[in-house]
Amino acid sequence: MTSKIVLAALAVSLLGSVPAVASSAAVPDFATSEAGNPFVDGWYADPDVAVYGDRYWVFPTASRPYDQQTYLDAFSSTDLVHWTKHADVLTTANVSWARRAVWAPAPVERNGRYYLYFGANDIQSNSELGGIGVAVADRPEGPYRDAIGKPLISQFVNGAQPIDQDVFIDDDGQAYMYYGGWGHANVVKLNEDMTSLGRFADGSIYKEITPANFTEGSQMFKRGGKYYFMWSEDGWTGPNYAVSYAISDSPTGPFTKISRVLAQDPSVARGSGHNSVINVPGTDIWYIVYHRRPLSRTGANDRQLAYDRMTFNADGTIQPVTMRVQDDFDDDNAVGWTTHGGSWSASGGRYETGSSFGGKALLDTNFTDFVQDATVVPRSASGDSGVVFRATAATTGTDAYRGYYAGVTGSGRVVLGKADNNWTQLASAPVTVRPNARHHLRVEAIGSAIKVYVGDMTTPNISVTDTSFSSGANGVRVFNTGAAFDDFAVAHR
């Protein structure tokens, strides 16, 4: 893994001046990826980031079997909401010695040229050809071409497999590369040309900096004059893949583990790791960018890109990151949603469906105790539209799922019921419902207690107890009406 948002020209120090925010666009001040995680479509992993001009760039691994990992894509955005895909920014066709397992790209700009460091071939010994390479381009989107015709680091040193590099340029202009796998981490200096290794004051080229529980995925950034070293621990194919960190006064350590900062949430996603960090230039707004595995998927390469807010305590330590579930559809897509019946589309900052008898869309979540919010816009005075929760075994059909549903009806009521290939109404109450008007619908479920609110979030319109379903997916649904949905969110209670 890798990262590098803190280039010398963009570094933010709480003790010094900060650069102006690029462009006149609104500062992306979000609690999470509010337009939904994953924030891009497709199987990707190991994201690293850069800010070039007024654009944020994410360079990930194409999460595929090693023999198919022969290319790298990139994504760019001016607002962290709308993302443009740049395909094949680097391919093995432009690296003579790389044949497979091209991964964990690390982007950086220097002297008007764009560098992309990458691992290739997944070497298992010093007798194999491969390791960490460096490519260069004249533009952020490439095409990138091999800069030196061979790996920059091709040997195991201090037990560290040459993979998962991160490049960091300090305020004094010195560039460092942090890398390693197989439980060992090294740091090296990069010369001004960015294509050769320098030496430390003692004459050495490699310094081992392995912290406790290091597996791979090195990442370095600087804040408030302190150096933050992050890494991934546990196996990348399993659910416990996680991110830990250390803080030092020096870019070369020592790095003593403080704690885990990002780990799986069995309600949201598993295998959350291999991170990078975005700092919005000119601000103290930070995001952790990482990959994770959907709850319903177990394949090693079933990984997706996500980001969440990263917050610091007054002493500079990092608060544990919460993987939030939100989607305001401002990116005009519904990546991460699965539909069962009906015709669904995301546009104009909302999730729209035509009329159907029970069409539903679900996220791959598994919440037990939670609060779920959505804005519901019924498109007619007939039928009903609302939210599904604690849902399992979903298929196409009117009541083809096991779980609960709460919705507003064209006849001016809010209803709560449960489905198990049939429908049982649990309660209803009068509310004001108007077609094409926005209605804030909230469900709060804690154990067997279920409360439903419409409009007024202080007093529930419905309050019941039911023990039929204890956990499951969250989503939206219609019956005999079209509807639009917005501002969807689920949070633990």
Protein backbone atom coordinates (compact mmCIF):
# COMPACT_ATOMS: atom_id res chain seq x y z
CA MET A 1 0.00 0.00 0.00
CA THR A 2 1.07 3.55 -0.26
CA SER A 3 0.19 7.17 0.02
CA LYS A 4 1.39 10.62 -0.23
CA ILE A 5 -0.88 13.55 -0.02
CA VAL A 6 1.64 15.52 1.92
CA LEU A 7 3.94 16.85 -0.77
CA ALA A 8 6.21 19.65 0.36
CA ALA A 9 4.11 22.23 -1.47
CA LEU A 10 0.88 20.91 0.03
CA ALA A 11 1.96 19.92 3.51
CA VAL A 12 -0.25 21.31 6.24
CA SER A 13 1.40 22.18 9.54
CA LEU A 14 -0.69 23.31 12.43
CA LEU A 15 2.28 25.33 13.63
CA GLY A 16 2.89 27.22 10.41
CA SER A 17 1.22 28.73 7.38
CA VAL A 18 -1.04 26.70 5.10
CA PRO A 19 -1.53 27.07 1.36
CA ALA A 20 -4.72 28.44 -0.10
CA VAL A 21 -7.31 25.90 -1.16
CA ALA A 22 -6.98 25.28 -4.89
CA SER A 23 -9.81 26.70 -7.03
CA SER A 24 -12.97 28.43 -5.84
CA ALA A 25 -14.87 25.16 -5.37
CA ALA A 26 -16.47 24.46 -2.02
CA VAL A 27 -14.18 22.76 0.48
CA PRO A 28 -15.12 19.04 0.68
CA ASP A 29 -15.99 18.95 4.36
CA PHE A 30 -17.74 15.59 4.77
CA ALA A 31 -18.37 13.10 7.56
CA THR A 32 -17.62 10.30 5.10
CA SER A 33 -18.09 9.68 1.40
CA GLU A 34 -21.58 11.12 1.69
CA ALA A 35 -22.39 10.16 -1.90
CA GLY A 36 -21.77 6.55 -0.94
CA ASN A 37 -19.03 3.99 -0.37
CA PRO A 38 -17.60 2.46 -2.46
CA PHE A 39 -16.96 5.79 -4.13
CA VAL A 40 -16.02 4.28 -7.52
CA ASP A 41 -17.29 1.23 -9.35
CA GLY A 42 -15.26 -1.95 -9.74
CA TRP A 43 -12.92 -4.17 -7.76
CA TYR A 44 -9.94 -2.12 -6.61
CA ALA A 45 -7.56 -2.14 -3.65
CA ASP A 46 -4.46 -0.49 -2.13
CA PRO A 47 -5.37 3.13 -2.96
CA ASP A 48 -2.75 5.86 -2.85
CA VAL A 49 -3.54 9.53 -3.32
CA ALA A 50 -2.15 12.83 -4.54
CA VAL A 51 -3.35 16.40 -5.04
CA TYR A 52 -2.27 17.85 -8.36
CA GLY A 53 -3.54 21.38 -8.93
CA ASP A 54 -7.25 21.47 -8.17
CA ARG A 55 -7.77 17.72 -8.52
CA TYR A 56 -7.61 14.84 -6.07
CA TRP A 57 -6.13 11.67 -7.55
CA VAL A 58 -6.53 8.07 -6.39
CA PHE A 59 -4.26 5.37 -7.82
CA PRO A 60 -5.35 1.84 -6.79
CA THR A 61 -4.47 -1.76 -7.57
CA ALA A 62 -6.76 -3.54 -10.01
CA SER A 63 -8.05 -6.21 -7.63
CA ARG A 64 -7.75 -9.29 -9.81
CA PRO A 65 -5.76 -12.56 -9.84
CA TYR A 66 -2.03 -11.81 -10.04
CA ASP A 67 -1.65 -12.91 -13.67
CA GLN A 68 -4.40 -10.43 -14.60
CA GLN A 69 -2.88 -7.56 -12.60
CA THR A 70 -1.03 -6.17 -15.61
CA TYR A 71 -2.36 -2.58 -15.55
CA LEU A 72 -3.18 0.31 -13.26
CA ASP A 73 -6.16 2.67 -13.50
CA ALA A 74 -6.55 6.02 -11.75
CA PHE A 75 -9.48 8.20 -10.66
CA SER A 76 -9.60 11.98 -10.29
CA SER A 77 -12.06 14.43 -8.75
CA THR A 78 -12.32 18.12 -7.96
CA ASP A 79 -14.81 17.63 -5.12
CA LEU A 80 -14.35 14.06 -3.76
CA VAL A 81 -17.86 13.34 -5.08
CA HIS A 82 -17.70 13.05 -8.87
CA TRP A 83 -14.89 10.80 -10.09
CA THR A 84 -13.39 10.44 -13.56
CA LYS A 85 -11.76 7.12 -14.47
CA HIS A 86 -8.41 7.16 -16.27
CA ALA A 87 -7.82 3.66 -17.63
CA ASP A 88 -4.45 2.00 -18.12
CA VAL A 89 -2.26 4.80 -16.78
CA LEU A 90 0.49 2.17 -16.53
CA THR A 91 0.62 -1.28 -18.15
CA THR A 92 3.22 -4.03 -18.30
CA ALA A 93 3.64 -3.17 -22.00
CA ASN A 94 5.57 -0.12 -20.81
CA VAL A 95 7.68 -1.97 -18.20
CA SER A 96 9.99 -4.55 -19.80
CA TRP A 97 10.71 -6.48 -16.62
CA ALA A 98 7.16 -6.54 -15.13
CA ARG A 99 4.88 -9.42 -16.08
CA ARG A 100 2.25 -9.78 -13.30
CA ALA A 101 1.12 -8.61 -9.86
CA VAL A 102 1.48 -4.91 -10.61
CA TRP A 103 0.09 -3.26 -7.49
CA ALA A 104 0.05 -0.55 -4.84
CA PRO A 105 0.99 2.45 -7.00
CA ALA A 106 2.46 5.49 -5.24
CA PRO A 107 2.12 8.84 -7.08
CA VAL A 108 4.21 11.96 -6.52
CA GLU A 109 5.12 15.09 -8.52
CA ARG A 110 8.50 16.75 -8.60
CA ASN A 111 10.01 19.41 -10.84
CA GLY A 112 7.07 19.26 -13.21
CA ARG A 113 7.22 15.51 -13.75
CA TYR A 114 4.87 12.88 -12.37
CA TYR A 115 6.28 9.71 -10.85
CA LEU A 116 4.44 6.47 -10.13
CA TYR A 117 6.14 3.85 -7.96
CA PHE A 118 4.77 0.32 -8.12
CA GLY A 119 5.42 -3.25 -7.09
CA ALA A 120 5.57 -6.01 -9.69
CA ASN A 121 5.96 -9.79 -10.01
CA ASP A 122 5.46 -10.57 -6.27
CA ILE A 123 8.97 -11.93 -5.92
CA GLN A 124 9.54 -14.55 -3.22
CA SER A 125 13.36 -14.54 -3.20
CA ASN A 126 16.38 -12.54 -4.33
CA SER A 127 16.84 -14.88 -7.30
CA GLU A 128 13.64 -13.65 -8.97
CA LEU A 129 13.24 -10.58 -11.15
CA GLY A 130 10.90 -7.99 -9.73
CA GLY A 131 10.34 -5.67 -6.79
CA ILE A 132 9.62 -1.93 -6.68
CA GLY A 133 9.77 0.04 -9.93
CA VAL A 134 9.36 3.68 -10.87
CA ALA A 135 7.57 5.08 -13.91
CA VAL A 136 7.35 8.67 -15.10
CA ALA A 137 4.93 10.78 -17.14
CA ASP A 138 4.36 14.37 -18.21
CA ARG A 139 0.76 14.37 -16.99
CA PRO A 140 -0.95 12.95 -13.88
CA GLU A 141 -3.05 10.59 -16.02
CA GLY A 142 -0.02 9.28 -17.88
CA PRO A 143 0.75 7.28 -19.82
CA TYR A 144 3.53 6.31 -17.42
CA ARG A 145 6.67 4.60 -18.74
CA ASP A 146 9.42 2.75 -16.93
CA ALA A 147 11.99 5.35 -15.85
CA ILE A 148 15.11 3.20 -15.38
CA GLY A 149 14.50 -0.10 -17.19
CA LYS A 150 14.83 -2.22 -14.05
CA PRO A 151 13.48 -2.38 -10.49
CA LEU A 152 14.55 0.42 -8.18
CA ILE A 153 14.56 -2.05 -5.27
CA SER A 154 14.89 -5.69 -6.29
CA GLN A 155 16.19 -7.47 -3.19
CA PHE A 156 14.94 -8.51 0.22
CA VAL A 157 16.73 -6.27 2.73
CA ASN A 158 16.21 -6.67 6.49
CA GLY A 159 13.66 -9.37 5.63
CA ALA A 160 11.34 -6.89 3.88
CA GLN A 161 9.71 -8.01 0.67
CA PRO A 162 10.05 -5.11 -1.82
CA ILE A 163 6.36 -4.19 -2.12
CA ASP A 164 3.78 -1.66 -0.91
CA GLN A 165 5.88 1.47 -1.18
CA ASP A 166 4.87 4.96 -0.07
CA VAL A 167 6.76 8.09 -1.13
CA PHE A 168 6.82 11.16 1.10
CA ILE A 169 8.57 14.50 0.48
CA ASP A 170 9.39 16.34 3.69
CA ASP A 171 9.26 20.12 4.16
CA ASP A 172 13.01 20.38 3.55
CA GLY A 173 12.63 18.73 0.13
CA GLN A 174 14.09 15.36 1.10
CA ALA A 175 12.12 12.46 -0.37
CA TYR A 176 11.71 9.16 1.45
CA MET A 177 10.28 5.81 0.45
CA TYR A 178 8.67 3.55 3.03
CA TYR A 179 8.01 -0.03 1.99
CA GLY A 180 7.93 -3.67 2.98
CA GLY A 181 6.06 -6.90 3.35
CA TRP A 182 6.52 -10.21 5.16
CA GLY A 183 6.38 -8.39 8.50
CA HIS A 184 9.32 -6.03 7.91
CA ALA A 185 9.41 -2.33 6.98
CA ASN A 186 12.29 -0.24 5.62
CA VAL A 187 12.81 3.42 4.82
CA VAL A 188 15.18 4.71 2.14
CA LYS A 189 16.07 8.15 0.84
CA LEU A 190 15.30 9.12 -2.74
CA ASN A 191 17.69 11.42 -4.53
CA GLU A 192 16.51 14.61 -6.25
CA ASP A 193 16.10 12.68 -9.53
CA MET A 194 13.48 10.45 -7.79
CA THR A 195 14.87 7.43 -9.62
CA SER A 196 17.86 6.54 -7.45
CA LEU A 197 18.48 5.84 -3.77
CA GLY A 198 20.46 8.12 -1.47
CA ARG A 199 22.37 7.43 1.70
CA PHE A 200 21.77 8.30 5.32
CA ALA A 201 24.36 10.18 7.37
CA ASP A 202 25.92 6.91 8.54
CA GLY A 203 26.41 5.75 4.95
CA SER A 204 23.61 3.22 4.99
CA ILE A 205 20.93 2.97 2.28
CA TYR A 206 18.26 0.96 4.11
CA LYS A 207 16.97 1.48 7.65
CA GLU A 208 14.58 -0.97 9.23
CA ILE A 209 11.65 0.74 11.00
CA THR A 210 9.36 -2.24 11.67
CA PRO A 211 6.73 -1.47 14.35
CA ALA A 212 4.80 -4.08 16.32
CA ASN A 213 2.33 -6.14 14.26
CA PHE A 214 3.49 -4.72 10.94
CA THR A 215 2.41 -6.78 7.94
CA GLU A 216 2.55 -4.42 4.93
CA GLY A 217 0.99 -1.26 3.48
CA SER A 218 3.32 1.52 4.62
CA GLN A 219 1.96 5.08 4.67
CA MET A 220 3.55 8.30 5.90
CA PHE A 221 2.16 11.81 6.42
CA LYS A 222 3.05 14.84 8.49
CA ARG A 223 0.84 16.98 10.68
CA GLY A 224 1.75 19.57 13.30
CA GLY A 225 5.46 18.83 12.92
CA LYS A 226 4.92 15.15 13.76
CA TYR A 227 5.44 12.16 11.46
CA TYR A 228 2.62 9.64 11.29
CA PHE A 229 3.54 6.16 10.08
CA MET A 230 0.59 3.91 9.24
CA TRP A 231 0.53 0.27 8.18
CA SER A 232 -1.75 -2.72 7.70
CA GLU A 233 -1.75 -5.79 9.89
CA ASP A 234 -3.18 -9.32 9.73
CA GLY A 235 -3.83 -11.13 6.45
CA TRP A 236 -5.09 -9.16 3.45
CA THR A 237 -7.49 -11.93 2.38
CA GLY A 238 -9.24 -12.16 5.75
CA PRO A 239 -11.80 -10.08 7.65
CA ASN A 240 -9.33 -8.80 10.28
CA TYR A 241 -7.13 -6.78 7.95
CA ALA A 242 -6.77 -3.43 9.73
CA VAL A 243 -4.76 -0.21 9.97
CA SER A 244 -2.53 0.83 12.88
CA TYR A 245 -0.28 3.83 13.37
CA ALA A 246 2.66 5.38 15.22
CA ILE A 247 3.88 8.97 15.70
CA SER A 248 7.49 10.13 15.71
CA ASP A 249 9.50 13.34 15.79
CA SER A 250 11.63 12.04 12.91
CA PRO A 251 10.80 10.73 9.42
CA THR A 252 12.95 7.67 10.19
CA GLY A 253 11.39 6.86 13.54
CA PRO A 254 11.51 5.17 15.91
CA PHE A 255 7.88 4.15 15.35
CA THR A 256 6.13 2.65 18.36
CA LYS A 257 2.61 1.41 17.75
CA ILE A 258 -0.10 3.50 19.38
CA SER A 259 -3.25 1.63 18.36
CA ARG A 260 -5.44 0.37 15.57
CA VAL A 261 -7.30 3.19 13.89
CA LEU A 262 -9.40 1.34 11.28
CA ALA A 263 -10.86 -2.16 11.54
CA GLN A 264 -13.76 -4.19 10.23
CA ASP A 265 -17.34 -3.47 11.25
CA PRO A 266 -19.47 -6.63 10.86
CA SER A 267 -22.46 -4.37 10.13
CA VAL A 268 -20.73 -2.50 7.27
CA ALA A 269 -17.67 -4.21 5.73
CA ARG A 270 -14.71 -6.47 6.48
CA GLY A 271 -11.02 -6.49 5.65
CA SER A 272 -10.60 -2.72 5.87
CA GLY A 273 -6.99 -1.78 5.29
CA HIS A 274 -4.12 -0.80 3.00
CA ASN A 275 -4.81 2.90 3.40
CA SER A 276 -3.66 6.30 2.29
CA VAL A 277 -4.55 9.74 3.61
CA ILE A 278 -6.04 12.85 2.00
CA ASN A 279 -5.54 16.26 3.56
CA VAL A 280 -7.66 18.96 1.93
CA PRO A 281 -5.08 21.65 1.12
CA GLY A 282 -5.24 24.71 3.34
CA THR A 283 -7.37 22.97 5.97
CA ASP A 284 -7.16 20.49 8.81
CA ILE A 285 -9.70 18.23 7.08
CA TRP A 286 -8.38 14.67 6.69
CA TYR A 287 -9.75 11.50 5.15
CA ILE A 288 -8.51 7.92 5.29
CA VAL A 289 -8.78 6.21 1.89
CA TYR A 290 -8.71 2.40 1.97
CA HIS A 291 -10.15 -0.78 0.55
CA ARG A 292 -12.63 -3.13 2.16
CA ARG A 293 -14.60 -6.28 1.41
CA PRO A 294 -18.42 -6.31 1.15
CA LEU A 295 -20.11 -8.44 3.81
CA SER A 296 -21.62 -10.87 1.31
CA ARG A 297 -18.32 -11.50 -0.52
CA THR A 298 -15.47 -13.77 0.53
CA GLY A 299 -13.22 -13.80 -2.55
CA ALA A 300 -9.69 -12.55 -1.96
CA ASN A 301 -10.02 -9.98 -4.73
CA ASP A 302 -13.53 -8.78 -3.85
CA ARG A 303 -12.28 -5.41 -2.65
CA GLN A 304 -13.68 -1.90 -3.11
CA LEU A 305 -12.49 1.65 -2.49
CA ALA A 306 -13.88 3.74 0.36
CA TYR A 307 -13.02 6.80 2.38
CA ASP A 308 -14.10 8.12 5.77
CA ARG A 309 -13.31 11.17 7.88
CA MET A 310 -10.17 10.95 10.03
CA THR A 311 -10.23 13.08 13.18
CA PHE A 312 -7.43 13.99 15.59
CA ASN A 313 -7.51 14.45 19.33
CA ALA A 314 -6.02 17.54 20.97
CA ASP A 315 -2.78 15.62 21.70
CA GLY A 316 -2.39 14.66 18.02
CA THR A 317 -3.49 11.06 18.36
CA ILE A 318 -6.07 9.74 15.88
CA GLN A 319 -9.59 8.85 16.88
CA PRO A 320 -10.78 5.39 15.79
CA VAL A 321 -12.33 5.74 12.34
CA THR A 322 -16.03 4.99 11.95
CA MET A 323 -17.08 3.40 8.67
CA ARG A 324 -20.27 5.36 8.06
CA VAL A 325 -23.16 4.35 5.81
CA GLN A 326 -24.54 7.28 3.82
CA ASP A 327 -25.68 7.98 0.27
CA ASP A 328 -27.07 11.31 -0.93
CA PHE A 329 -26.69 10.22 -4.59
CA ASP A 330 -24.98 13.50 -5.45
CA ASP A 331 -22.55 11.51 -7.61
CA ASP A 332 -25.53 10.37 -9.70
CA ASN A 333 -24.77 6.69 -9.27
CA ALA A 334 -25.92 3.87 -7.02
CA VAL A 335 -22.69 1.90 -6.67
CA GLY A 336 -23.08 -0.54 -3.80
CA TRP A 337 -26.84 -0.95 -4.15
CA THR A 338 -28.52 -4.16 -5.35
CA THR A 339 -32.02 -4.00 -6.80
CA HIS A 340 -34.77 -6.63 -6.67
CA GLY A 341 -37.57 -5.71 -9.05
CA GLY A 342 -38.59 -2.33 -10.40
CA SER A 343 -36.57 0.04 -12.57
CA TRP A 344 -34.01 2.11 -10.67
CA SER A 345 -31.70 4.96 -11.66
CA ALA A 346 -29.62 7.57 -9.88
CA SER A 347 -29.63 11.09 -11.33
CA GLY A 348 -30.16 14.65 -10.21
CA GLY A 349 -28.92 13.79 -6.72
CA ARG A 350 -31.61 11.21 -5.97
CA TYR A 351 -32.39 7.50 -6.40
CA GLU A 352 -35.51 7.12 -8.50
CA THR A 353 -37.75 4.16 -9.33
CA GLY A 354 -40.90 3.76 -11.34
CA SER A 355 -44.03 2.14 -9.97
CA SER A 356 -43.81 -1.56 -9.14
CA PHE A 357 -45.33 -4.01 -6.71
CA GLY A 358 -42.53 -4.34 -4.21
CA GLY A 359 -39.42 -3.21 -6.08
CA LYS A 360 -36.60 -2.72 -3.58
CA ALA A 361 -32.94 -1.70 -3.45
CA LEU A 362 -30.63 -2.84 -0.66
CA LEU A 363 -27.18 -2.09 0.64
CA ASP A 364 -24.87 -4.92 1.72
CA THR A 365 -25.23 -4.13 5.42
CA ASN A 366 -26.12 -6.20 8.48
CA PHE A 367 -27.17 -3.86 11.28
CA THR A 368 -28.79 -5.03 14.52
CA ASP A 369 -29.40 -1.89 16.61
CA PHE A 370 -29.46 1.26 14.49
CA VAL A 371 -31.13 4.43 13.33
CA GLN A 372 -31.99 4.66 9.64
CA ASP A 373 -32.89 7.87 7.84
CA ALA A 374 -34.13 8.56 4.33
CA THR A 375 -35.91 11.29 2.43
CA VAL A 376 -38.86 9.77 0.55
CA VAL A 377 -40.65 11.52 -2.34
CA PRO A 378 -43.77 9.60 -3.42
CA ARG A 379 -44.64 10.16 -7.05
CA SER A 380 -48.38 9.49 -6.80
CA ALA A 381 -51.28 9.48 -4.36
CA SER A 382 -51.53 5.70 -4.53
CA GLY A 383 -49.45 2.95 -2.96
CA ASP A 384 -46.64 3.53 -0.50
CA SER A 385 -42.89 4.05 -0.41
CA GLY A 386 -40.32 3.83 2.34
CA VAL A 387 -37.45 1.89 3.89
CA VAL A 388 -36.57 -1.77 4.43
CA PHE A 389 -34.48 -2.94 7.38
CA ARG A 390 -33.17 -6.13 8.98
CA ALA A 391 -33.78 -7.75 5.59
CA THR A 392 -32.47 -11.14 4.45
CA ALA A 393 -33.21 -13.58 1.60
CA ALA A 394 -34.26 -10.78 -0.74
CA THR A 395 -35.44 -11.64 -4.24
CA THR A 396 -37.81 -10.09 -6.78
CA GLY A 397 -41.44 -10.11 -5.65
CA THR A 398 -43.92 -8.07 -3.64
CA ASP A 399 -42.99 -9.49 -0.26
CA ALA A 400 -40.01 -11.58 -1.37
CA TYR A 401 -37.73 -10.99 1.61
CA ARG A 402 -37.60 -11.57 5.34
CA GLY A 403 -37.56 -8.33 7.28
CA TYR A 404 -39.35 -5.11 8.15
CA TYR A 405 -40.70 -2.24 6.06
CA ALA A 406 -41.87 1.24 7.04
CA GLY A 407 -43.43 3.56 4.48
CA VAL A 408 -45.73 6.49 3.85
CA THR A 409 -48.97 5.89 1.94
CA GLY A 410 -50.85 8.03 -0.54
CA SER A 411 -53.87 7.78 1.74
CA GLY A 412 -52.05 9.76 4.45
CA ARG A 413 -50.64 7.14 6.80
CA VAL A 414 -47.33 5.71 7.87
CA VAL A 415 -47.29 1.92 8.06
CA LEU A 416 -44.94 -0.56 9.65
CA GLY A 417 -45.02 -4.24 8.84
CA LYS A 418 -42.96 -7.35 8.31
CA ALA A 419 -42.51 -9.64 5.33
CA ASP A 420 -41.71 -13.32 5.05
CA ASN A 421 -43.00 -14.02 1.55
CA ASN A 422 -46.25 -12.60 2.93
CA TRP A 423 -47.21 -9.36 4.62
CA THR A 424 -48.15 -8.70 8.24
CA GLN A 425 -48.96 -5.15 9.27
CA LEU A 426 -47.71 -4.28 12.73
CA ALA A 427 -49.03 -0.71 13.09
CA SER A 428 -50.10 2.43 11.24
CA ALA A 429 -50.73 6.08 12.09
CA PRO A 430 -52.07 9.15 10.28
CA VAL A 431 -49.52 11.56 8.74
CA THR A 432 -49.65 14.25 6.07
CA VAL A 433 -48.42 12.81 2.78
CA ARG A 434 -48.24 14.77 -0.47
CA PRO A 435 -47.08 13.43 -3.84
CA ASN A 436 -43.79 14.91 -5.05
CA ALA A 437 -43.06 16.38 -1.60
CA ARG A 438 -40.06 15.40 0.52
CA HIS A 439 -40.85 13.35 3.63
CA HIS A 440 -38.15 12.63 6.23
CA LEU A 441 -38.61 9.04 7.39
CA ARG A 442 -36.67 7.59 10.31
CA VAL A 443 -36.63 4.12 11.83
CA GLU A 444 -34.98 3.43 15.16
CA ALA A 445 -34.59 -0.26 16.01
CA ILE A 446 -33.02 -1.39 19.27
CA GLY A 447 -33.57 -5.02 20.15
CA SER A 448 -37.26 -5.76 19.81
CA ALA A 449 -38.24 -2.08 20.07
CA ILE A 450 -39.01 -0.38 16.74
CA LYS A 451 -39.93 3.30 16.39
CA VAL A 452 -40.92 5.09 13.21
CA TYR A 453 -40.85 8.88 12.74
CA VAL A 454 -42.15 11.03 9.88
CA GLY A 455 -41.23 14.72 9.73
CA ASP A 456 -41.04 15.32 13.47
CA MET A 457 -37.99 13.47 14.80
CA THR A 458 -38.80 14.03 18.47
CA THR A 459 -41.96 11.93 18.89
CA PRO A 460 -42.41 8.58 17.12
CA ASN A 461 -45.54 8.09 15.04
CA ILE A 462 -45.29 4.33 15.62
CA SER A 463 -43.74 2.44 18.51
CA VAL A 464 -43.98 -1.37 18.68
CA THR A 465 -42.09 -4.41 19.87
CA ASP A 466 -41.46 -7.40 17.63
CA THR A 467 -38.87 -10.16 17.78
CA SER A 468 -39.22 -11.65 14.30
CA PHE A 469 -35.96 -10.34 12.81
CA SER A 470 -32.81 -9.29 14.64
CA SER A 471 -30.45 -8.10 11.89
CA GLY A 472 -30.04 -7.75 8.15
CA ALA A 473 -29.69 -5.36 5.23
CA ASN A 474 -31.00 -1.82 4.91
CA GLY A 475 -32.62 -0.26 1.88
CA VAL A 476 -35.65 1.32 0.22
CA ARG A 477 -38.85 -0.03 -1.37
CA VAL A 478 -42.04 0.96 -3.20
CA PHE A 479 -45.47 -0.58 -3.67
CA ASN A 480 -47.79 0.56 -6.46
CA THR A 481 -46.10 3.94 -6.84
CA GLY A 482 -42.93 5.46 -8.15
CA ALA A 483 -40.70 7.30 -5.70
CA ALA A 484 -37.44 9.15 -5.29
CA PHE A 485 -35.06 8.66 -2.35
CA ASP A 486 -32.36 10.91 -0.96
CA ASP A 487 -30.14 11.44 2.10
CA PHE A 488 -30.04 7.77 3.03
CA ALA A 489 -28.06 6.94 6.18
CA VAL A 490 -27.72 4.15 8.74
CA ALA A 491 -25.83 4.44 12.03
CA HIS A 492 -25.28 2.24 15.07
CA ARG A 493 -27.38 2.77 18.18
